């Protein structure tokens, strides 16, 4: 990936992107979560595991805390 310095066109900053880099990034990010519908599908999907252990996902909010919760049940 080569650096292409941005240029100015009047008040605007113009950024040029190499076509090969753009195509590569498009493939890489094609599965990214981009909207509320994708987020809900991911949060409500599952069950999710990591290293054969349950991985519980919660929606983040500014008031979220990183305390470890004691789970009493896991929906299946």
PDB file of N, CA and C in Angstrom:
ATOM      1  N   UNK A   1       0.848  -1.165   0.000  1.00  0.00           N
ATOM      2  CA  UNK A   1       0.000   0.000   0.000  1.00  0.00           C
ATOM      3  C   UNK A   1       0.897   1.232   0.000  1.00  0.00           C
ATOM      4  N   UNK A   2       0.795   2.016  -1.004  1.00  0.00           N
ATOM      5  CA  UNK A   2       1.627   3.211  -1.133  1.00  0.00           C
ATOM      6  C   UNK A   2       0.864   4.433  -0.621  1.00  0.00           C
ATOM      7  N   UNK A   3       1.586   5.334  -0.014  1.00  0.00           N
ATOM      8  CA  UNK A   3       0.988   6.577   0.476  1.00  0.00           C
ATOM      9  C   UNK A   3       0.845   7.556  -0.682  1.00  0.00           C
ATOM     10  N   UNK A   4      -0.346   8.091  -0.821  1.00  0.00           N
ATOM     11  CA  UNK A   4      -0.605   9.120  -1.826  1.00  0.00           C
ATOM     12  C   UNK A   4      -1.030  10.367  -1.061  1.00  0.00           C
ATOM     13  N   UNK A   5      -0.212  11.394  -1.117  1.00  0.00           N
ATOM     14  CA  UNK A   5      -0.476  12.614  -0.352  1.00  0.00           C
ATOM     15  C   UNK A   5      -1.754  13.291  -0.845  1.00  0.00           C
ATOM     16  N   UNK A   6      -2.582  13.782   0.077  1.00  0.00           N
ATOM     17  CA  UNK A   6      -3.779  14.516  -0.329  1.00  0.00           C
ATOM     18  C   UNK A   6      -3.402  15.841  -0.986  1.00  0.00           C
ATOM     19  N   UNK A   7      -4.304  16.346  -1.808  1.00  0.00           N
ATOM     20  CA  UNK A   7      -4.104  17.636  -2.466  1.00  0.00           C
ATOM     21  C   UNK A   7      -5.262  18.548  -2.110  1.00  0.00           C
ATOM     22  N   UNK A   8      -5.122  19.810  -2.434  1.00  0.00           N
ATOM     23  CA  UNK A   8      -6.198  20.770  -2.184  1.00  0.00           C
ATOM     24  C   UNK A   8      -6.787  21.209  -3.508  1.00  0.00           C
ATOM     25  N   UNK A   9      -8.094  21.335  -3.512  1.00  0.00           N
ATOM     26  CA  UNK A   9      -8.811  21.867  -4.668  1.00  0.00           C
ATOM     27  C   UNK A   9      -9.752  22.934  -4.116  1.00  0.00           C
ATOM     28  N   UNK A  10      -9.270  24.171  -4.104  1.00  0.00           N
ATOM     29  CA  UNK A  10     -10.036  25.244  -3.464  1.00  0.00           C
ATOM     30  C   UNK A  10     -10.052  25.025  -1.965  1.00  0.00           C
ATOM     31  N   UNK A  11     -11.253  24.956  -1.377  1.00  0.00           N
ATOM     32  CA  UNK A  11     -11.411  24.723   0.059  1.00  0.00           C
ATOM     33  C   UNK A  11     -11.411  23.239   0.411  1.00  0.00           C
ATOM     34  N   UNK A  12     -11.468  22.394  -0.581  1.00  0.00           N
ATOM     35  CA  UNK A  12     -11.614  20.949  -0.363  1.00  0.00           C
ATOM     36  C   UNK A  12     -10.266  20.241  -0.326  1.00  0.00           C
ATOM     37  N   UNK A  13     -10.155  19.229   0.523  1.00  0.00           N
ATOM     38  CA  UNK A  13      -8.994  18.343   0.528  1.00  0.00           C
ATOM     39  C   UNK A  13      -9.385  17.127  -0.296  1.00  0.00           C
ATOM     40  N   UNK A  14      -8.579  16.793  -1.287  1.00  0.00           N
ATOM     41  CA  UNK A  14      -8.868  15.676  -2.180  1.00  0.00           C
ATOM     42  C   UNK A  14      -7.899  14.546  -1.866  1.00  0.00           C
ATOM     43  N   UNK A  15      -8.456  13.356  -1.620  1.00  0.00           N
ATOM     44  CA  UNK A  15      -7.651  12.181  -1.311  1.00  0.00           C
ATOM     45  C   UNK A  15      -7.830  11.174  -2.437  1.00  0.00           C
ATOM     46  N   UNK A  16      -6.737  10.754  -3.023  1.00  0.00           N
ATOM     47  CA  UNK A  16      -6.769   9.739  -4.075  1.00  0.00           C
ATOM     48  C   UNK A  16      -6.395   8.394  -3.475  1.00  0.00           C
ATOM     49  N   UNK A  17      -7.082   7.365  -3.903  1.00  0.00           N
ATOM     50  CA  UNK A  17      -6.836   6.017  -3.402  1.00  0.00           C
ATOM     51  C   UNK A  17      -6.495   5.121  -4.579  1.00  0.00           C
ATOM     52  N   UNK A  18      -5.449   4.323  -4.391  1.00  0.00           N
ATOM     53  CA  UNK A  18      -5.058   3.367  -5.415  1.00  0.00           C
ATOM     54  C   UNK A  18      -6.183   2.344  -5.609  1.00  0.00           C
ATOM     55  N   UNK A  19      -6.522   2.038  -6.850  1.00  0.00           N
ATOM     56  CA  UNK A  19      -7.630   1.116  -7.158  1.00  0.00           C
ATOM     57  C   UNK A  19      -7.427  -0.261  -6.529  1.00  0.00           C
ATOM     58  N   UNK A  20      -6.198  -0.781  -6.560  1.00  0.00           N
ATOM     59  CA  UNK A  20      -5.931  -2.107  -5.980  1.00  0.00           C
ATOM     60  C   UNK A  20      -6.146  -2.078  -4.470  1.00  0.00           C
ATOM     61  N   UNK A  21      -5.719  -1.005  -3.811  1.00  0.00           N
ATOM     62  CA  UNK A  21      -5.934  -0.878  -2.369  1.00  0.00           C
ATOM     63  C   UNK A  21      -7.419  -0.790  -2.052  1.00  0.00           C
ATOM     64  N   UNK A  22      -8.152  -0.045  -2.871  1.00  0.00           N
ATOM     65  CA  UNK A  22      -9.591   0.100  -2.679  1.00  0.00           C
ATOM     66  C   UNK A  22     -10.281  -1.257  -2.808  1.00  0.00           C
ATOM     67  N   UNK A  23      -9.938  -2.024  -3.831  1.00  0.00           N
ATOM     68  CA  UNK A  23     -10.550  -3.341  -4.056  1.00  0.00           C
ATOM     69  C   UNK A  23     -10.236  -4.276  -2.896  1.00  0.00           C
ATOM     70  N   UNK A  24      -9.014  -4.243  -2.422  1.00  0.00           N
ATOM     71  CA  UNK A  24      -8.609  -5.088  -1.300  1.00  0.00           C
ATOM     72  C   UNK A  24      -9.389  -4.723  -0.032  1.00  0.00           C
ATOM     73  N   UNK A  25      -9.513  -3.437   0.241  1.00  0.00           N
ATOM     74  CA  UNK A  25     -10.246  -2.981   1.417  1.00  0.00           C
ATOM     75  C   UNK A  25     -11.726  -3.332   1.315  1.00  0.00           C
ATOM     76  N   UNK A  26     -12.266  -3.252   0.123  1.00  0.00           N
ATOM     77  CA  UNK A  26     -13.677  -3.580  -0.085  1.00  0.00           C
ATOM     78  C   UNK A  26     -13.954  -5.030   0.291  1.00  0.00           C
ATOM     79  N   UNK A  27     -13.074  -5.921  -0.101  1.00  0.00           N
ATOM     80  CA  UNK A  27     -13.220  -7.334   0.250  1.00  0.00           C
ATOM     81  C   UNK A  27     -13.059  -7.515   1.756  1.00  0.00           C
ATOM     82  N   UNK A  28     -12.032  -6.888   2.322  1.00  0.00           N
ATOM     83  CA  UNK A  28     -11.750  -7.037   3.754  1.00  0.00           C
ATOM     84  C   UNK A  28     -12.920  -6.580   4.628  1.00  0.00           C
ATOM     85  N   UNK A  29     -13.550  -5.469   4.275  1.00  0.00           N
ATOM     86  CA  UNK A  29     -14.599  -4.889   5.110  1.00  0.00           C
ATOM     87  C   UNK A  29     -16.013  -5.252   4.660  1.00  0.00           C
ATOM     88  N   UNK A  30     -16.155  -6.158   3.701  1.00  0.00           N
ATOM     89  CA  UNK A  30     -17.485  -6.487   3.189  1.00  0.00           C
ATOM     90  C   UNK A  30     -18.379  -7.153   4.233  1.00  0.00           C
ATOM     91  N   UNK A  31     -17.796  -7.761   5.247  1.00  0.00           N
ATOM     92  CA  UNK A  31     -18.582  -8.426   6.292  1.00  0.00           C
ATOM     93  C   UNK A  31     -18.712  -7.589   7.557  1.00  0.00           C
ATOM     94  N   UNK A  32     -18.333  -6.313   7.493  1.00  0.00           N
ATOM     95  CA  UNK A  32     -18.397  -5.445   8.669  1.00  0.00           C
ATOM     96  C   UNK A  32     -19.842  -5.161   9.058  1.00  0.00           C
ATOM     97  N   UNK A  33     -20.070  -4.993  10.341  1.00  0.00           N
ATOM     98  CA  UNK A  33     -21.392  -4.615  10.823  1.00  0.00           C
ATOM     99  C   UNK A  33     -21.560  -3.124  10.569  1.00  0.00           C
ATOM    100  N   UNK A  34     -22.566  -2.767   9.809  1.00  0.00           N
ATOM    101  CA  UNK A  34     -22.684  -1.365   9.422  1.00  0.00           C
ATOM    102  C   UNK A  34     -23.969  -0.694   9.874  1.00  0.00           C
ATOM    103  N   UNK A  35     -24.893  -1.406  10.410  1.00  0.00           N
ATOM    104  CA  UNK A  35     -26.151  -0.767  10.782  1.00  0.00           C
ATOM    105  C   UNK A  35     -26.816  -1.471  11.943  1.00  0.00           C
ATOM    106  N   UNK A  36     -27.901  -0.892  12.388  1.00  0.00           N
ATOM    107  CA  UNK A  36     -28.657  -1.435  13.514  1.00  0.00           C
ATOM    108  C   UNK A  36     -29.138  -2.849  13.233  1.00  0.00           C
ATOM    109  N   UNK A  37     -29.574  -3.107  12.007  1.00  0.00           N
ATOM    110  CA  UNK A  37     -30.066  -4.441  11.646  1.00  0.00           C
ATOM    111  C   UNK A  37     -28.945  -5.484  11.768  1.00  0.00           C
ATOM    112  N   UNK A  38     -27.744  -5.153  11.276  1.00  0.00           N
ATOM    113  CA  UNK A  38     -26.606  -6.061  11.394  1.00  0.00           C
ATOM    114  C   UNK A  38     -26.232  -6.278  12.852  1.00  0.00           C
ATOM    115  N   UNK A  39     -26.226  -5.198  13.631  1.00  0.00           N
ATOM    116  CA  UNK A  39     -25.882  -5.293  15.041  1.00  0.00           C
ATOM    117  C   UNK A  39     -26.848  -6.216  15.775  1.00  0.00           C
ATOM    118  N   UNK A  40     -28.142  -6.022  15.575  1.00  0.00           N
ATOM    119  CA  UNK A  40     -29.134  -6.854  16.254  1.00  0.00           C
ATOM    120  C   UNK A  40     -29.016  -8.315  15.837  1.00  0.00           C
ATOM    121  N   UNK A  41     -28.783  -8.561  14.550  1.00  0.00           N
ATOM    122  CA  UNK A  41     -28.617  -9.935  14.079  1.00  0.00           C
ATOM    123  C   UNK A  41     -27.428 -10.590  14.766  1.00  0.00           C
ATOM    124  N   UNK A  42     -26.356  -9.847  14.960  1.00  0.00           N
ATOM    125  CA  UNK A  42     -25.167 -10.388  15.610  1.00  0.00           C
ATOM    126  C   UNK A  42     -25.407 -10.614  17.098  1.00  0.00           C
ATOM    127  N   UNK A  43     -25.997  -9.621  17.787  1.00  0.00           N
ATOM    128  CA  UNK A  43     -26.239  -9.748  19.223  1.00  0.00           C
ATOM    129  C   UNK A  43     -27.236 -10.864  19.536  1.00  0.00           C
ATOM    130  N   UNK A  44     -28.262 -11.014  18.703  1.00  0.00           N
ATOM    131  CA  UNK A  44     -29.303 -11.996  18.963  1.00  0.00           C
ATOM    132  C   UNK A  44     -28.980 -13.357  18.363  1.00  0.00           C
ATOM    133  N   UNK A  45     -27.949 -13.424  17.538  1.00  0.00           N
ATOM    134  CA  UNK A  45     -27.523 -14.696  16.953  1.00  0.00           C
ATOM    135  C   UNK A  45     -26.780 -15.516  17.996  1.00  0.00           C
ATOM    136  N   UNK A  46     -26.146 -16.544  17.535  1.00  0.00           N
ATOM    137  CA  UNK A  46     -25.348 -17.332  18.466  1.00  0.00           C
ATOM    138  C   UNK A  46     -26.028 -18.641  18.779  1.00  0.00           C
ATOM    139  N   UNK A  47     -25.671 -19.324  19.812  1.00  0.00           N
ATOM    140  CA  UNK A  47     -24.772 -18.886  20.874  1.00  0.00           C
ATOM    141  C   UNK A  47     -23.332 -18.767  20.383  1.00  0.00           C
ATOM    142  N   UNK A  48     -22.587 -17.847  20.984  1.00  0.00           N
ATOM    143  CA  UNK A  48     -21.205 -17.601  20.606  1.00  0.00           C
ATOM    144  C   UNK A  48     -20.284 -18.244  21.630  1.00  0.00           C
ATOM    145  N   UNK A  49     -19.202 -18.819  21.155  1.00  0.00           N
ATOM    146  CA  UNK A  49     -18.201 -19.393  22.055  1.00  0.00           C
ATOM    147  C   UNK A  49     -16.813 -18.936  21.618  1.00  0.00           C
ATOM    148  N   UNK A  50     -15.915 -18.926  22.587  1.00  0.00           N
ATOM    149  CA  UNK A  50     -14.520 -18.624  22.316  1.00  0.00           C
ATOM    150  C   UNK A  50     -13.713 -19.612  23.144  1.00  0.00           C
ATOM    151  N   UNK A  51     -12.884 -20.405  22.468  1.00  0.00           N
ATOM    152  CA  UNK A  51     -12.107 -21.454  23.137  1.00  0.00           C
ATOM    153  C   UNK A  51     -13.043 -22.394  23.892  1.00  0.00           C
ATOM    154  N   UNK A  52     -14.160 -22.742  23.250  1.00  0.00           N
ATOM    155  CA  UNK A  52     -15.166 -23.650  23.823  1.00  0.00           C
ATOM    156  C   UNK A  52     -15.771 -23.157  25.128  1.00  0.00           C
ATOM    157  N   UNK A  53     -15.779 -21.843  25.325  1.00  0.00           N
ATOM    158  CA  UNK A  53     -16.427 -21.258  26.499  1.00  0.00           C
ATOM    159  C   UNK A  53     -17.483 -20.282  26.020  1.00  0.00           C
ATOM    160  N   UNK A  54     -18.592 -20.176  26.746  1.00  0.00           N
ATOM    161  CA  UNK A  54     -19.638 -19.236  26.332  1.00  0.00           C
ATOM    162  C   UNK A  54     -19.098 -17.806  26.300  1.00  0.00           C
ATOM    163  N   UNK A  55     -19.457 -17.103  25.257  1.00  0.00           N
ATOM    164  CA  UNK A  55     -19.047 -15.711  25.083  1.00  0.00           C
ATOM    165  C   UNK A  55     -20.328 -14.898  25.024  1.00  0.00           C
ATOM    166  N   UNK A  56     -20.600 -14.142  26.076  1.00  0.00           N
ATOM    167  CA  UNK A  56     -21.855 -13.407  26.196  1.00  0.00           C
ATOM    168  C   UNK A  56     -21.646 -11.977  25.724  1.00  0.00           C
ATOM    169  N   UNK A  57     -22.494 -11.548  24.787  1.00  0.00           N
ATOM    170  CA  UNK A  57     -22.395 -10.209  24.214  1.00  0.00           C
ATOM    171  C   UNK A  57     -23.521  -9.334  24.738  1.00  0.00           C
ATOM    172  N   UNK A  58     -23.183  -8.095  25.026  1.00  0.00           N
ATOM    173  CA  UNK A  58     -24.168  -7.107  25.450  1.00  0.00           C
ATOM    174  C   UNK A  58     -23.976  -5.856  24.614  1.00  0.00           C
ATOM    175  N   UNK A  59     -25.046  -5.121  24.420  1.00  0.00           N
ATOM    176  CA  UNK A  59     -24.954  -3.838  23.726  1.00  0.00           C
ATOM    177  C   UNK A  59     -24.202  -2.858  24.629  1.00  0.00           C
ATOM    178  N   UNK A  60     -23.235  -2.148  24.049  1.00  0.00           N
ATOM    179  CA  UNK A  60     -22.467  -1.168  24.795  1.00  0.00           C
ATOM    180  C   UNK A  60     -23.247   0.134  24.910  1.00  0.00           C
ATOM    181  N   UNK A  61     -23.082   0.801  26.021  1.00  0.00           N
ATOM    182  CA  UNK A  61     -23.623   2.149  26.191  1.00  0.00           C
ATOM    183  C   UNK A  61     -22.610   2.939  27.021  1.00  0.00           C
ATOM    184  N   UNK A  62     -22.701   4.254  27.017  1.00  0.00           N
ATOM    185  CA  UNK A  62     -21.745   5.047  27.805  1.00  0.00           C
ATOM    186  C   UNK A  62     -21.756   4.706  29.296  1.00  0.00           C
ATOM    187  N   UNK A  63     -22.857   4.181  29.792  1.00  0.00           N
ATOM    188  CA  UNK A  63     -22.918   3.831  31.217  1.00  0.00           C
ATOM    189  C   UNK A  63     -22.521   2.375  31.476  1.00  0.00           C
ATOM    190  N   UNK A  64     -22.090   1.661  30.444  1.00  0.00           N
ATOM    191  CA  UNK A  64     -21.678   0.264  30.613  1.00  0.00           C
ATOM    192  C   UNK A  64     -20.487   0.176  31.547  1.00  0.00           C
ATOM    193  N   UNK A  65     -20.448  -0.912  32.310  1.00  0.00           N
ATOM    194  CA  UNK A  65     -19.332  -1.156  33.222  1.00  0.00           C
ATOM    195  C   UNK A  65     -18.687  -2.467  32.829  1.00  0.00           C
ATOM    196  N   UNK A  66     -17.403  -2.576  33.057  1.00  0.00           N
ATOM    197  CA  UNK A  66     -16.665  -3.769  32.678  1.00  0.00           C
ATOM    198  C   UNK A  66     -16.563  -4.772  33.830  1.00  0.00           C
ATOM    199  N   UNK A  67     -17.467  -4.680  34.789  1.00  0.00           N
ATOM    200  CA  UNK A  67     -17.459  -5.627  35.900  1.00  0.00           C
ATOM    201  C   UNK A  67     -17.791  -7.019  35.387  1.00  0.00           C
ATOM    202  N   UNK A  68     -17.204  -8.000  36.017  1.00  0.00           N
ATOM    203  CA  UNK A  68     -17.495  -9.370  35.630  1.00  0.00           C
ATOM    204  C   UNK A  68     -18.849  -9.755  36.243  1.00  0.00           C
ATOM    205  N   UNK A  69     -19.753 -10.199  35.381  1.00  0.00           N
ATOM    206  CA  UNK A  69     -21.076 -10.583  35.853  1.00  0.00           C
ATOM    207  C   UNK A  69     -21.086 -12.069  36.196  1.00  0.00           C
ATOM    208  N   UNK A  70     -21.862 -12.414  37.194  1.00  0.00           N
ATOM    209  CA  UNK A  70     -22.064 -13.807  37.527  1.00  0.00           C
ATOM    210  C   UNK A  70     -23.320 -14.277  36.803  1.00  0.00           C
ATOM    211  N   UNK A  71     -23.150 -15.158  35.840  1.00  0.00           N
ATOM    212  CA  UNK A  71     -24.300 -15.631  35.077  1.00  0.00           C
ATOM    213  C   UNK A  71     -24.981 -16.769  35.818  1.00  0.00           C
ATOM    214  N   UNK A  72     -26.307 -16.730  35.861  1.00  0.00           N
ATOM    215  CA  UNK A  72     -27.057 -17.813  36.487  1.00  0.00           C
ATOM    216  C   UNK A  72     -27.676 -18.722  35.437  1.00  0.00           C
ATOM    217  N   UNK A  73     -27.830 -18.187  34.213  1.00  0.00           N
ATOM    218  CA  UNK A  73     -28.351 -19.003  33.117  1.00  0.00           C
ATOM    219  C   UNK A  73     -27.893 -18.418  31.803  1.00  0.00           C
ATOM    220  N   UNK A  74     -27.839 -19.258  30.788  1.00  0.00           N
ATOM    221  CA  UNK A  74     -27.468 -18.822  29.444  1.00  0.00           C
ATOM    222  C   UNK A  74     -28.551 -19.296  28.496  1.00  0.00           C
ATOM    223  N   UNK A  75     -29.165 -18.374  27.728  1.00  0.00           N
ATOM    224  CA  UNK A  75     -30.206 -18.799  26.797  1.00  0.00           C
ATOM    225  C   UNK A  75     -29.610 -19.688  25.692  1.00  0.00           C
ATOM    226  N   UNK A  76     -30.350 -20.711  25.361  1.00  0.00           N
ATOM    227  CA  UNK A  76     -29.906 -21.639  24.301  1.00  0.00           C
ATOM    228  C   UNK A  76     -30.862 -21.576  23.134  1.00  0.00           C
TER     229      UNK A  76
END
